[in-house]
Protein backbone atom coordinates (compact mmCIF):
# COMPACT_ATOMS: atom_id res chain seq x y z
CA MET A 1 -29.41 166.43 105.39
CA ILE A 2 -27.33 168.25 107.98
CA GLU A 3 -27.11 166.86 111.49
CA VAL A 4 -26.26 169.29 114.30
CA GLU A 5 -23.83 166.84 115.89
CA PRO A 6 -23.05 163.11 115.66
CA LEU A 7 -24.92 161.47 118.54
CA ASP A 8 -23.00 159.29 120.99
CA ASN A 9 -25.77 156.69 121.24
CA SER A 10 -26.20 156.16 117.50
CA VAL A 11 -24.57 153.28 115.62
CA TRP A 12 -24.34 154.08 111.94
CA ASP A 13 -24.07 151.44 109.28
CA LEU A 14 -21.45 153.40 107.37
CA CYS A 15 -19.39 156.48 108.21
CA ILE A 16 -17.09 158.35 105.85
CA VAL A 17 -14.65 161.06 106.89
CA GLY A 18 -14.03 163.87 104.39
CA THR A 19 -16.05 165.63 101.68
CA GLY A 20 -13.41 166.35 99.04
CA PRO A 21 -13.91 165.03 95.49
CA VAL A 22 -13.51 161.41 96.63
CA GLY A 23 -15.65 161.62 99.77
CA MET A 24 -18.28 163.64 97.94
CA ALA A 25 -18.51 161.11 95.09
CA PHE A 26 -18.59 158.22 97.58
CA ALA A 27 -21.52 159.77 99.48
CA LEU A 28 -23.43 160.57 96.28
CA GLU A 29 -22.89 157.05 95.01
CA CYS A 30 -24.21 155.66 98.30
CA GLU A 31 -27.30 157.78 97.80
CA ARG A 32 -27.71 156.50 94.24
CA LEU A 33 -27.53 152.94 95.60
CA GLY A 34 -30.01 153.71 98.38
CA LYS A 35 -27.50 153.29 101.21
CA ASP A 36 -27.52 155.53 104.28
CA VAL A 37 -24.18 157.10 105.20
CA LEU A 38 -22.92 159.45 107.90
CA VAL A 39 -20.46 162.00 106.52
CA LEU A 40 -18.07 163.89 108.81
CA GLU A 41 -16.34 167.07 107.62
CA SER A 42 -13.74 168.99 109.61
CA GLY A 43 -14.60 172.35 108.00
CA ALA A 44 -17.71 174.43 107.53
CA THR A 45 -19.78 175.12 104.41
CA GLU A 46 -17.31 177.75 103.19
CA VAL A 47 -13.52 177.87 103.08
CA GLY A 48 -11.97 179.51 106.13
CA SER A 49 -8.31 180.24 106.83
CA SER A 50 -8.55 179.20 110.49
CA ALA A 51 -9.38 175.59 109.60
CA ALA A 52 -6.21 175.25 107.50
CA GLU A 53 -4.03 175.67 110.57
CA ALA A 54 -4.89 172.13 111.72
CA SER A 55 -3.22 170.74 108.56
CA ARG A 56 0.02 172.67 108.92
CA ALA A 57 2.98 170.33 108.65
CA GLU A 58 6.75 170.40 108.95
CA ILE A 59 8.12 170.36 105.39
CA VAL A 60 11.67 169.00 105.34
CA ASP A 61 12.49 170.67 102.01
CA PRO A 62 10.10 173.52 101.10
CA ASP A 63 11.52 173.55 97.57
CA ARG A 64 10.10 170.08 97.03
CA HIS A 65 6.65 170.36 98.64
CA ALA A 66 3.91 172.98 98.82
CA SER A 67 2.72 174.14 102.22
CA MET A 68 -0.17 172.10 103.54
CA GLU A 69 -2.19 175.28 103.96
CA LEU A 70 -2.25 175.41 100.14
CA ALA A 71 -2.44 171.67 99.48
CA VAL A 72 -5.34 170.90 101.84
CA CYS A 73 -8.73 172.53 102.19
CA ARG A 74 -10.90 171.88 105.23
CA ALA A 75 -14.42 172.78 104.12
CA LEU A 76 -17.46 171.11 102.62
CA GLY A 77 -16.12 170.08 99.22
CA GLY A 78 -12.50 169.83 100.36
CA THR A 79 -9.94 170.41 97.62
CA SER A 80 -12.66 170.77 94.99
CA TRP A 81 -12.45 174.44 96.01
CA THR A 82 -8.86 174.62 94.70
CA TRP A 83 -8.81 171.87 92.04
CA GLY A 84 -8.01 172.93 88.49
CA GLY A 85 -10.53 170.53 86.92
CA ARG A 86 -8.20 168.29 84.87
CA CYS A 87 -9.47 164.71 84.59
CA VAL A 88 -7.04 162.05 83.39
CA PRO A 89 -7.09 158.31 84.08
CA TYR A 90 -4.00 156.21 84.48
CA ASP A 91 -2.64 154.62 81.29
CA ASP A 92 -2.30 150.92 80.50
CA ILE A 93 1.47 151.12 81.07
CA ASP A 94 0.89 152.20 84.67
CA TRP A 95 -0.73 148.89 85.62
CA VAL A 96 1.95 146.51 84.32
CA ARG A 97 5.17 145.50 86.01
CA ARG A 98 8.20 147.37 84.67
CA GLU A 99 11.52 145.85 85.61
CA PHE A 100 13.18 149.28 85.68
CA VAL A 101 10.68 150.67 88.25
CA GLU A 102 11.07 149.11 91.70
CA ASP A 103 8.17 148.64 94.12
CA ALA A 104 5.63 149.54 91.42
CA ASN A 105 3.17 146.65 91.68
CA TRP A 106 -0.60 147.04 91.56
CA PRO A 107 -2.74 144.17 92.96
CA ILE A 108 -5.38 144.78 90.26
CA ASN A 109 -5.25 145.41 86.52
CA HIS A 110 -6.64 148.31 84.51
CA ASP A 111 -9.77 146.41 83.45
CA GLU A 112 -10.86 146.07 87.09
CA ILE A 113 -11.14 149.82 87.62
CA ARG A 114 -12.01 150.96 84.09
CA PRO A 115 -15.77 150.21 84.49
CA TRP A 116 -15.95 152.92 87.16
CA TYR A 117 -14.63 155.70 84.94
CA ALA A 118 -18.10 156.63 83.66
CA LEU A 119 -19.36 157.33 87.18
CA ALA A 120 -16.19 159.23 88.04
CA ALA A 121 -16.74 161.38 84.94
CA LYS A 122 -20.34 161.97 86.02
CA TYR A 123 -19.43 163.16 89.52
CA LEU A 124 -16.47 165.24 88.27
CA LEU A 125 -18.60 166.83 85.52
CA CYS A 126 -16.11 166.15 82.72
CA GLY A 127 -18.66 165.03 80.13
CA ASN A 128 -17.77 161.39 79.57
CA ALA A 129 -15.02 158.83 80.08
CA ASN A 130 -13.64 158.86 76.53
CA PHE A 131 -9.95 159.59 76.99
CA SER A 132 -8.72 158.24 73.68
CA ILE A 133 -9.70 160.01 70.46
CA PRO A 134 -7.82 158.86 67.32
CA TYR A 135 -5.73 161.71 65.98
CA GLY A 136 -6.57 160.94 62.38
CA LYS A 137 -2.96 160.69 61.26
CA GLN A 138 -0.78 157.62 61.71
CA LEU A 139 2.26 158.51 63.80
CA SER A 140 5.48 156.52 64.18
CA SER A 141 8.65 156.46 66.27
CA GLY A 142 6.79 155.84 69.54
CA LEU A 143 4.68 159.02 69.41
CA THR A 144 0.95 159.26 70.00
CA LEU A 145 -1.55 162.12 70.03
CA ASP A 146 -4.59 159.92 70.69
CA SER A 147 -4.63 160.55 74.45
CA VAL A 148 -6.80 163.41 75.70
CA GLU A 149 -7.38 164.99 79.07
CA ARG A 150 -10.90 166.09 79.92
CA TRP A 151 -11.88 169.10 82.00
CA SER A 152 -14.67 169.57 84.50
CA ARG A 153 -17.22 172.11 83.34
CA GLU A 154 -17.20 173.34 86.96
CA PRO A 155 -13.92 172.54 88.80
CA LYS A 156 -15.50 173.58 92.09
CA VAL A 157 -17.70 170.51 91.86
CA ILE A 158 -19.10 171.16 95.32
CA LEU A 159 -21.10 174.04 93.80
CA GLU A 160 -22.88 171.50 91.58
CA HIS A 161 -23.41 168.85 94.25
CA ARG A 162 -23.86 170.90 97.43
CA SER A 163 -27.66 171.07 97.42
CA GLN A 164 -27.94 167.34 96.86
CA LEU A 165 -25.54 166.62 99.72
CA LEU A 166 -27.42 168.95 102.04
CA GLN A 167 -30.92 167.73 101.15
CA SER A 168 -30.39 164.00 100.67
CA LYS A 169 -32.43 161.64 102.86
CA HIS A 170 -29.64 159.04 102.69
CA ILE A 171 -26.70 161.34 103.50
CA ARG A 172 -26.35 162.61 107.07
CA LEU A 173 -23.78 165.39 106.96
CA VAL A 174 -22.07 166.77 110.06
CA LEU A 175 -19.78 169.77 109.66
CA GLN A 176 -17.01 171.10 111.93
CA SER A 177 -16.39 167.56 113.14
CA THR A 178 -12.70 166.71 113.23
CA VAL A 179 -11.66 163.08 113.73
CA THR A 180 -8.74 162.93 116.15
CA LYS A 181 -8.47 159.22 116.97
CA LEU A 182 -9.45 155.74 115.84
CA ASN A 183 -10.58 153.66 118.82
CA LEU A 184 -9.93 149.97 118.18
CA SER A 185 -11.36 146.86 119.81
CA SER A 186 -9.31 145.07 122.45
CA ASP A 187 -7.84 142.73 119.83
CA GLY A 188 -7.14 145.62 117.45
CA GLN A 189 -9.10 144.06 114.60
CA ARG A 190 -12.01 146.50 114.40
CA VAL A 191 -12.64 150.22 114.75
CA VAL A 192 -15.21 150.58 117.51
CA SER A 193 -15.59 154.36 117.29
CA LEU A 194 -14.03 157.60 116.19
CA THR A 195 -13.11 160.34 118.63
CA VAL A 196 -14.52 163.50 117.06
CA SER A 197 -13.99 167.08 118.15
CA THR A 198 -17.07 169.26 117.59
CA PRO A 199 -18.06 172.80 118.65
CA GLY A 200 -20.19 171.15 121.34
CA GLY A 201 -17.36 169.02 122.73
CA VAL A 202 -15.72 165.67 122.09
CA ARG A 203 -17.99 162.91 120.77
CA ALA A 204 -17.64 159.21 120.06
CA VAL A 205 -19.02 158.22 116.64
CA LYS A 206 -19.86 154.55 116.23
CA ALA A 207 -20.42 152.70 112.97
CA ARG A 208 -20.13 149.23 111.48
CA GLN A 209 -17.90 150.39 108.63
CA PHE A 210 -15.56 153.40 108.42
CA VAL A 211 -14.04 155.03 105.34
CA LEU A 212 -11.28 157.63 105.50
CA ALA A 213 -11.37 160.07 102.56
CA MET A 214 -9.36 162.83 104.19
CA GLY A 215 -6.73 163.27 101.48
CA GLY A 216 -3.42 161.46 101.17
CA VAL A 217 -1.42 163.21 103.88
CA GLU A 218 -4.24 163.60 106.42
CA SER A 219 -5.42 159.98 106.09
CA THR A 220 -1.83 158.84 106.53
CA ARG A 221 -1.34 161.09 109.54
CA LEU A 222 -4.36 159.60 111.31
CA LEU A 223 -3.16 156.04 110.62
CA LEU A 224 0.34 156.89 111.88
CA HIS A 225 -1.26 158.31 115.03
CA THR A 226 -3.14 155.02 115.44
CA GLN A 227 0.05 153.03 114.84
CA SER A 228 1.74 154.86 117.71
CA ASN A 229 -0.61 152.90 120.01
CA TRP A 230 -0.67 149.75 117.88
CA PRO A 231 2.93 149.41 116.60
CA ASN A 232 2.36 146.09 114.84
CA HIS A 233 -0.46 147.45 112.67
CA PHE A 234 -0.06 148.50 109.03
CA GLY A 235 3.06 146.42 108.50
CA GLY A 236 4.80 147.62 111.67
CA VAL A 237 6.66 150.83 112.47
CA ASP A 238 9.25 150.12 109.76
CA GLY A 239 6.62 148.99 107.28
CA PRO A 240 4.95 150.68 104.30
CA LEU A 241 2.71 153.18 106.13
CA GLY A 242 3.89 156.71 105.36
CA ARG A 243 6.51 155.55 102.87
CA TYR A 244 6.62 155.77 99.04
CA TYR A 245 5.26 159.32 99.06
CA MET A 246 4.89 160.49 95.46
CA GLY A 247 3.62 163.29 93.28
CA HIS A 248 4.86 164.50 89.90
CA ILE A 249 7.57 166.60 88.29
CA SER A 250 6.03 169.31 86.17
CA GLY A 251 7.54 172.23 84.32
CA LYS A 252 9.25 173.43 81.16
CA ILE A 253 12.78 172.85 79.83
CA ALA A 254 12.18 173.28 76.09
CA ARG A 255 10.24 175.10 73.41
CA ILE A 256 8.41 173.38 70.58
CA GLU A 257 8.48 174.76 67.04
CA LEU A 258 5.69 173.40 64.83
CA ASN A 259 6.40 172.97 61.13
CA ASP A 260 2.82 173.99 60.38
CA PRO A 261 1.82 176.91 62.65
CA ASP A 262 -1.86 176.20 61.96
CA SER A 263 -1.55 172.74 63.57
CA ILE A 264 -1.63 174.39 67.00
CA SER A 265 -5.41 174.26 66.72
CA ASP A 266 -5.18 170.46 67.05
CA LEU A 267 -3.55 170.93 70.44
CA ASP A 268 -5.83 173.59 71.91
CA PHE A 269 -8.87 173.05 74.11
CA LYS A 270 -11.89 171.62 72.25
CA LEU A 271 -15.50 171.76 73.42
CA ASP A 272 -17.18 168.48 72.50
CA GLY A 273 -20.77 167.27 72.37
CA SER A 274 -20.71 166.26 76.03
CA GLY A 275 -20.55 169.92 77.06
CA ALA A 276 -16.99 169.65 78.41
CA PHE A 277 -13.57 170.58 77.07
CA HIS A 278 -10.80 168.16 76.18
CA ARG A 279 -7.22 168.60 74.99
CA ARG A 280 -4.74 166.32 73.24
CA ARG A 281 -1.26 165.72 74.64
CA PHE A 282 1.93 164.39 73.12
CA MET A 283 2.80 161.06 74.75
CA LEU A 284 5.24 158.21 74.21
CA THR A 285 3.59 154.87 73.50
CA SER A 286 3.80 152.07 76.04
CA GLU A 287 6.13 150.20 73.70
CA ALA A 288 8.48 153.18 73.46
CA GLN A 289 8.52 153.65 77.24
CA LEU A 290 9.38 150.01 77.83
CA GLU A 291 12.00 149.92 75.09
CA HIS A 292 13.80 153.03 76.31
CA ARG A 293 13.13 152.43 80.03
CA VAL A 294 11.59 155.83 80.69
CA LEU A 295 8.81 156.76 83.08
CA ASN A 296 5.37 157.89 81.97
CA ILE A 297 5.10 161.51 80.85
CA SER A 298 2.83 163.82 78.88
CA PHE A 299 3.59 167.05 77.00
CA TRP A 300 1.56 169.97 75.64
CA PRO A 301 2.28 173.37 74.07
CA ASP A 302 1.84 176.25 76.48
CA ASN A 303 2.36 179.97 76.81
CA PRO A 304 5.73 181.24 78.03
CA ALA A 305 5.95 181.88 81.76
CA PHE A 306 3.64 184.79 82.53
CA TYR A 307 6.06 186.24 85.08
CA ASP A 308 8.98 186.62 82.64
CA PRO A 309 8.45 189.91 80.76
CA SER A 310 11.01 188.91 78.13
CA HIS A 311 8.15 187.22 76.27
CA ARG A 312 7.23 190.82 75.21
CA SER A 313 3.56 189.87 74.98
CA GLY A 314 1.07 192.54 75.96
CA VAL A 315 -1.57 189.86 76.54
CA LEU A 316 0.58 187.71 78.82
CA SER A 317 1.85 190.73 80.78
CA SER A 318 -1.72 191.97 81.24
CA VAL A 319 -2.71 188.58 82.59
CA PHE A 320 0.33 188.58 84.88
CA LEU A 321 -0.54 191.98 86.32
CA ALA A 322 -4.07 190.80 87.06
CA LEU A 323 -2.78 187.67 88.80
CA ALA A 324 -0.05 189.49 90.73
CA PHE A 325 -2.66 191.61 92.52
CA PRO A 326 -3.96 189.04 95.06
CA PRO A 327 -7.58 190.27 95.38
CA THR A 328 -7.98 190.02 91.61
CA GLY A 329 -5.80 186.97 91.05
CA ARG A 330 -7.62 184.88 93.64
CA GLN A 331 -10.86 185.54 91.81
CA LEU A 332 -9.30 184.21 88.60
CA LEU A 333 -7.39 181.15 89.83
CA SER A 334 -6.91 179.04 92.92
CA GLU A 335 -4.09 180.32 95.11
CA ALA A 336 -1.67 177.50 94.29
CA ILE A 337 -2.09 177.94 90.54
CA ARG A 338 -1.95 181.75 90.87
CA LEU A 339 1.38 181.56 92.70
CA ALA A 340 2.78 179.19 90.06
CA HIS A 341 1.96 181.71 87.35
CA THR A 342 3.21 184.79 89.20
CA GLY A 343 6.58 183.21 89.96
CA PRO A 344 9.26 184.45 92.34
CA LYS A 345 9.46 187.94 93.77
CA PRO A 346 10.48 190.69 93.22
CA TYR A 347 8.07 191.17 90.32
CA ARG A 348 9.30 193.12 87.30
CA LEU A 349 6.18 195.28 87.21
CA GLY A 350 7.69 198.06 85.12
CA ALA A 351 8.62 195.71 82.29
CA HIS A 352 5.18 194.11 82.37
CA LEU A 353 3.47 197.50 82.27
CA ARG A 354 5.56 198.44 79.25
CA ASN A 355 4.56 195.21 77.47
CA ALA A 356 0.90 195.79 78.29
CA ILE A 357 0.94 199.38 77.02
CA LEU A 358 2.86 198.66 73.82
CA GLY A 359 0.73 195.60 73.07
CA ALA A 360 -2.59 197.24 73.90
CA PRO A 361 -3.75 198.00 70.34
CA ARG A 362 -3.28 194.47 69.05
CA GLY A 363 -3.82 192.65 72.33
CA ALA A 364 -7.22 194.14 73.17
CA ILE A 365 -9.10 191.64 71.02
CA ASP A 366 -7.14 188.70 72.45
CA ILE A 367 -7.80 189.88 76.00
CA TYR A 368 -11.50 190.25 75.24
CA ARG A 369 -11.62 186.68 73.89
CA ILE A 370 -9.80 185.34 76.93
CA LEU A 371 -12.16 187.09 79.33
CA ARG A 372 -15.19 185.99 77.34
CA ASP A 373 -14.09 182.34 77.18
CA ARG A 374 -12.97 182.19 80.81
CA PHE A 375 -15.69 184.15 82.59
CA ILE A 376 -18.72 184.72 80.38
CA LYS A 377 -19.23 181.59 78.31
CA LYS A 378 -20.50 178.38 79.90
CA PRO A 379 -18.74 176.08 80.31
CA LYS A 380 -15.73 178.29 80.75
CA LYS A 381 -12.59 177.41 78.85
CA PRO A 382 -10.04 175.78 81.20
CA GLY A 383 -7.17 177.94 79.97
CA PHE A 384 -5.92 179.89 77.01
CA LEU A 385 -3.12 179.59 74.50
CA VAL A 386 -1.97 182.74 72.70
CA SER A 387 -1.29 181.54 69.15
CA ASN A 388 1.39 183.02 66.93
CA ARG A 389 2.46 182.74 63.29
CA SER A 390 5.93 181.47 64.16
CA GLY A 391 4.54 178.22 65.56
CA LYS A 392 6.83 178.50 68.60
CA TYR A 393 5.51 177.69 72.09
CA ALA A 394 6.74 176.69 75.49
CA LEU A 395 6.44 172.93 76.06
CA HIS A 396 4.99 171.83 79.38
CA TYR A 397 5.65 168.35 80.75
CA HIS A 398 3.97 166.38 83.54
CA ALA A 399 5.99 163.35 84.60
CA GLU A 400 5.83 160.30 86.82
CA GLN A 401 7.79 160.02 90.06
CA VAL A 402 9.11 156.59 91.05
CA PRO A 403 8.09 154.94 94.34
CA ASN A 404 10.82 155.55 96.91
CA PRO A 405 10.56 154.13 100.44
CA ASN A 406 12.71 156.99 101.77
CA SER A 407 10.22 159.57 100.49
CA ARG A 408 7.89 159.55 103.42
CA ILE A 409 5.60 161.07 106.03
CA THR A 410 6.28 160.67 109.74
CA LEU A 411 4.91 162.31 112.90
CA SER A 412 6.25 165.29 114.78
CA SER A 413 6.32 165.80 118.54
CA ASP A 414 4.35 168.99 117.87
CA THR A 415 0.57 168.69 117.87
CA ASP A 416 -2.28 170.62 116.27
CA SER A 417 -5.03 172.35 118.22
CA PHE A 418 -6.91 169.02 118.47
CA GLY A 419 -3.94 167.22 120.03
CA VAL A 420 -3.04 165.19 116.92
CA PRO A 421 0.69 165.03 116.07
CA ARG A 422 1.56 167.09 113.04
CA ALA A 423 3.06 165.50 109.95
CA ILE A 424 6.70 165.72 108.94
CA ILE A 425 6.79 165.58 105.15
CA ASP A 426 9.96 164.51 103.37
CA LEU A 427 9.14 164.32 99.66
CA ARG A 428 12.23 163.14 97.77
CA PHE A 429 12.96 163.04 94.07
CA VAL A 430 15.77 160.84 92.78
CA ASN A 431 18.03 160.75 89.74
CA GLN A 432 15.71 158.37 87.86
CA ASP A 433 12.85 160.89 88.09
CA VAL A 434 14.99 163.68 86.65
CA GLN A 435 16.89 161.69 84.03
CA SER A 436 13.70 160.16 82.67
CA VAL A 437 12.31 163.65 81.98
CA ILE A 438 15.45 164.54 80.01
CA ASP A 439 15.51 161.25 78.09
CA SER A 440 11.80 161.53 77.27
CA HIS A 441 12.31 165.00 75.80
CA LYS A 442 15.04 163.61 73.55
CA LEU A 443 12.72 160.84 72.39
CA LEU A 444 9.94 163.33 71.76
CA ASP A 445 12.24 165.59 69.76
CA ALA A 446 13.31 162.71 67.52
CA ALA A 447 9.70 161.57 67.05
CA LEU A 448 8.49 165.08 66.21
CA LYS A 449 11.14 165.35 63.51
CA GLU A 450 10.47 161.86 62.16
CA ASN A 451 6.75 162.58 61.85
CA GLY A 452 7.27 166.01 60.29
CA ILE A 453 5.50 167.77 63.16
CA GLY A 454 8.27 169.96 64.49
CA SER A 455 11.25 170.00 66.83
CA LEU A 456 12.38 171.07 70.31
CA GLN A 457 14.81 173.77 71.37
CA TYR A 458 16.05 173.56 74.95
CA VAL A 459 16.00 176.67 77.09
CA THR A 460 19.31 175.84 78.74
CA GLU A 461 22.62 174.19 77.86
CA PRO A 462 22.67 170.34 77.85
CA GLU A 463 24.94 170.17 80.91
CA GLN A 464 22.42 172.28 82.85
CA LEU A 465 19.32 170.23 82.03
CA TRP A 466 19.54 167.99 85.10
CA ASP A 467 19.66 170.96 87.46
CA ARG A 468 16.86 172.66 85.55
CA VAL A 469 14.54 169.66 85.87
CA TYR A 470 15.42 169.08 89.52
CA SER A 471 14.63 172.72 90.31
CA GLN A 472 11.10 172.03 89.01
CA ALA A 473 10.69 168.83 91.06
CA SER A 474 8.02 169.90 93.52
CA ASP A 475 4.50 168.75 94.38
CA GLY A 476 2.32 168.26 97.43
CA PHE A 477 -1.05 168.34 95.69
CA HIS A 478 -1.05 164.83 94.17
CA GLN A 479 -0.56 162.90 97.38
CA ALA A 480 0.07 159.28 96.41
CA GLY A 481 1.68 156.16 97.82
CA THR A 482 1.67 156.42 101.61
CA THR A 483 -1.14 153.89 102.25
CA ARG A 484 -0.36 151.79 99.18
CA MET A 485 -2.56 148.91 98.10
CA GLY A 486 -1.35 145.35 97.71
CA ASP A 487 -1.90 141.72 98.60
CA ASP A 488 0.96 141.37 101.11
CA PRO A 489 0.25 142.99 104.54
CA LYS A 490 3.98 143.42 105.07
CA GLU A 491 4.36 145.46 101.88
CA SER A 492 1.06 147.37 101.73
CA VAL A 493 -1.50 149.09 103.95
CA VAL A 494 -4.78 148.25 102.17
CA ASP A 495 -5.94 145.36 100.02
CA ARG A 496 -7.39 145.45 96.52
CA ASN A 497 -10.75 146.56 97.93
CA LEU A 498 -9.14 149.37 99.98
CA LYS A 499 -9.68 147.61 103.32
CA THR A 500 -6.80 148.05 105.73
CA HIS A 501 -4.88 144.85 106.41
CA GLY A 502 -5.67 143.60 109.90
CA ILE A 503 -8.63 145.91 110.60
CA ASP A 504 -11.85 144.42 109.31
CA ASN A 505 -14.02 147.54 109.04
CA LEU A 506 -11.63 150.35 108.05
CA TYR A 507 -11.17 151.49 104.43
CA ILE A 508 -9.03 154.20 102.81
CA ALA A 509 -10.46 156.09 99.81
CA SER A 510 -7.60 158.30 98.70
CA SER A 511 -4.84 158.67 96.14
CA SER A 512 -2.54 157.56 98.95
CA VAL A 513 -3.45 153.95 98.06
CA PHE A 514 -1.81 154.25 94.60
CA PRO A 515 1.43 152.21 94.32
CA THR A 516 2.58 154.38 91.38
CA SER A 517 2.00 157.98 90.33
CA GLY A 518 1.78 157.68 86.52
CA GLN A 519 1.70 160.85 84.43
CA ALA A 520 -1.90 161.65 85.40
CA ASN A 521 -2.95 163.84 88.27
CA SER A 522 -4.67 161.75 90.90
CA THR A 523 -8.21 163.11 91.26
CA PHE A 524 -10.01 161.19 88.53
CA LEU A 525 -8.63 157.76 89.46
CA ALA A 526 -9.14 158.40 93.18
CA VAL A 527 -12.83 159.19 92.54
CA ALA A 528 -13.16 156.03 90.41
CA PHE A 529 -11.82 153.99 93.33
CA GLY A 530 -14.18 155.83 95.67
CA VAL A 531 -17.33 154.92 93.72
CA ARG A 532 -16.02 151.37 93.28
CA LEU A 533 -15.68 151.13 97.07
CA ALA A 534 -19.24 152.43 97.59
CA ASP A 535 -20.53 149.71 95.30
CA HIS A 536 -18.39 147.08 97.04
CA LEU A 537 -19.65 147.97 100.52
CA THR A 538 -23.26 148.18 99.36
CA SER A 539 -23.05 144.83 97.58
CA ALA A 540 -21.42 143.21 100.62
CA ALA A 541 -24.15 144.56 102.91
CA ASN A 542 -26.88 143.22 100.63
CA SER A 543 -25.36 139.77 100.17
């Protein structure tokens, strides 16, 4: 149910800030449990460019981090409007202590969060929580193909859940309400109210419990703003808040050549009985990662870069031309993913047109199938892979970034239109991040050969691999680490139940609580933690 404005004289039992995938799932889980919740959202029902201005940040190195206008979405549904739909949990290796990864300690183990995967899968519409499907062939040399990623049947999950959010008797939703300040009690141990900017003026929202689900950077920014008035909070000004900012390295440095070209079907998207797609990935086993001291990483065959016409594919050039025209491309993909596929300017439009024309006779059927699978069939296929008889494909990797206290978010002297200091984002990748990607490719190549699957061919000379990987080291969408969880208040911002150390009624539901980044994108695990928190707060209130 929509409220016009949060009333100053109301005291809510529970208030959550943010309606992205995590906040949305938290609110829906509260409804399922019969718990009333006030939900504040900075944006309106639809995405608007003017709202993004409030999230603009100073990016220290734009080559390392996407602009916040792309990475954040202020609207009902948050980043579900731009999310690609990939659902992947963290792996067992991510939860154990690895002596070669510093500051990578979780206060809980995998079994403590695993029970919440089924609900996360429900709210993210990815069918089920089965992320391990035996490949059917015993592999050796530290290689596994058992791990699968699942895909939401509707990545814009807000479209599925919007009516329930708007009509629920337990959810009180207030839009265009931007939280600008946490007002603490005189002893600093409780949040008394939130200062909220609304179209009708500034309001004070009071509740017994508060949950911030504003995304990693925005939740961190609000806590840093609070710390400016309470310098001993969150581990102190030189403590963990804002530090250990992480994402992933993702890109391509090699091609894979399969010994059996028909085996590519094992690695393509599969629609299963749950009504959702899944896809296998090449991964190194936990034992292999520990033995060779490499970070977590996953690999999958992919098309060559759309924007490089040297692929000479009429299908890929036709897709590129559609994406390069913004009005069309934005209908096909979210802006961030569209820009990744269109690559740097100037575009080589003439070469792409030539490919499209020469490939038209044979490519017409492939293009029809792509359009049918992506836009006509339900659920739509998450992507497409143009198969070929040579068995040669680009190899995409998605790799872990180590926790680094010098990779951080701080505050600027500049403020947004609401008077909140803007963020300064300094995302840093280090040699270990890059070298682990290179070493993992070498291990994969050896394992592919040993198992008779295929081999890798690098797209650059060996001495240029480091620079090639580092040039691909950029994120900003998987915002992890800056409000990390832990048992020690000096080393972490929240405890194992996501409550902030030192403030009894403030919780953070965000990927920013993750102490490590793993190989998985953050959405699925963040939603699992969100529904776990909803259950925790409901159980505590009923006890």
